[in-house]
Amino acid sequence: MERGQMLDQARKADTTTGEYVDFVETGTRVVGAYHCSGCGYGITVRAELPNCPMCGGTTWELHDWRPFTNPSRLR
């Protein structure tokens, strides 16, 4: 099975649960924190997404980290 087919199947599976994961390919210009969908390696980028330096993966997902949305957790 090709990578594109695998991603399409993953998207279909996620939409049935109501939790949609949007994958972003290497080379896409982005701003934010992302995790490699293959190994979980995290990066913060303000440019084109690279290949994952840990596993060579080319598919990323946005990391939904918002450190200032609940400041009471810092106490």
Protein backbone atom coordinates (compact mmCIF):
# COMPACT_ATOMS: atom_id res chain seq x y z
CA MET A 1 0.00 0.00 0.00
CA GLU A 2 1.35 3.43 -0.90
CA ARG A 3 1.81 6.25 1.64
CA GLY A 4 -0.96 8.35 0.07
CA GLN A 5 -3.40 5.46 0.36
CA MET A 6 -2.42 4.90 3.99
CA LEU A 7 -2.99 8.56 4.82
CA ASP A 8 -6.37 8.53 3.09
CA GLN A 9 -7.41 5.50 5.13
CA ALA A 10 -6.21 7.15 8.36
CA ARG A 11 -8.22 10.28 7.56
CA LYS A 12 -11.34 8.21 6.89
CA ALA A 13 -10.89 6.32 10.16
CA ASP A 14 -10.44 9.52 12.14
CA THR A 15 -13.53 11.20 10.67
CA THR A 16 -15.76 8.39 11.98
CA THR A 17 -14.70 9.18 15.56
CA GLY A 18 -15.03 12.91 15.08
CA GLU A 19 -11.30 13.42 15.60
CA TYR A 20 -9.77 14.52 12.32
CA VAL A 21 -6.01 14.63 12.03
CA ASP A 22 -4.72 16.84 9.25
CA PHE A 23 -1.37 15.63 7.91
CA VAL A 24 1.05 18.08 6.29
CA GLU A 25 3.70 16.98 3.80
CA THR A 26 7.38 17.89 3.73
CA GLY A 27 7.98 21.06 1.71
CA THR A 28 4.81 22.82 2.87
CA ARG A 29 5.43 26.34 4.27
CA VAL A 30 4.12 26.47 7.85
CA VAL A 31 4.47 28.30 11.14
CA GLY A 32 4.10 26.34 14.36
CA ALA A 33 4.98 23.17 16.23
CA TYR A 34 4.69 19.84 14.42
CA HIS A 35 5.28 16.16 15.19
CA CYS A 36 6.47 13.53 12.73
CA SER A 37 3.60 11.13 12.13
CA GLY A 38 6.08 8.26 11.84
CA CYS A 39 8.20 8.56 14.98
CA GLY A 40 6.74 11.48 16.96
CA TYR A 41 9.81 13.72 16.70
CA GLY A 42 8.81 17.32 17.42
CA ILE A 43 9.92 20.51 15.72
CA THR A 44 9.00 24.17 15.75
CA VAL A 45 9.29 25.70 12.32
CA ARG A 46 8.67 28.94 10.48
CA ALA A 47 9.58 27.79 6.98
CA GLU A 48 9.12 24.70 4.82
CA LEU A 49 8.70 21.45 6.71
CA PRO A 50 11.84 19.30 6.32
CA ASN A 51 12.14 15.54 6.20
CA CYS A 52 12.17 14.21 9.74
CA PRO A 53 15.81 14.19 10.96
CA MET A 54 15.16 11.11 13.11
CA CYS A 55 13.37 8.70 10.75
CA GLY A 56 13.34 10.45 7.35
CA GLY A 57 9.53 10.70 7.40
CA THR A 58 7.73 13.17 5.15
CA THR A 59 4.39 13.50 6.93
CA TRP A 60 3.80 15.85 9.86
CA GLU A 61 0.86 16.71 12.10
CA LEU A 62 0.24 19.96 13.93
CA HIS A 63 1.06 19.81 17.63
CA ASP A 64 -1.81 21.42 19.48
CA TRP A 65 0.23 22.82 22.38
CA ARG A 66 -1.00 26.08 23.85
CA PRO A 67 1.01 26.93 26.94
CA PHE A 68 -0.90 30.06 27.89
CA THR A 69 -4.50 28.86 27.60
CA ASN A 70 -4.60 27.54 31.17
CA PRO A 71 -2.01 29.40 33.30
CA SER A 72 -3.32 27.80 36.54
CA ARG A 73 -1.54 24.58 35.52
CA LEU A 74 1.80 26.29 36.09
CA ARG A 75 1.29 26.63 39.85
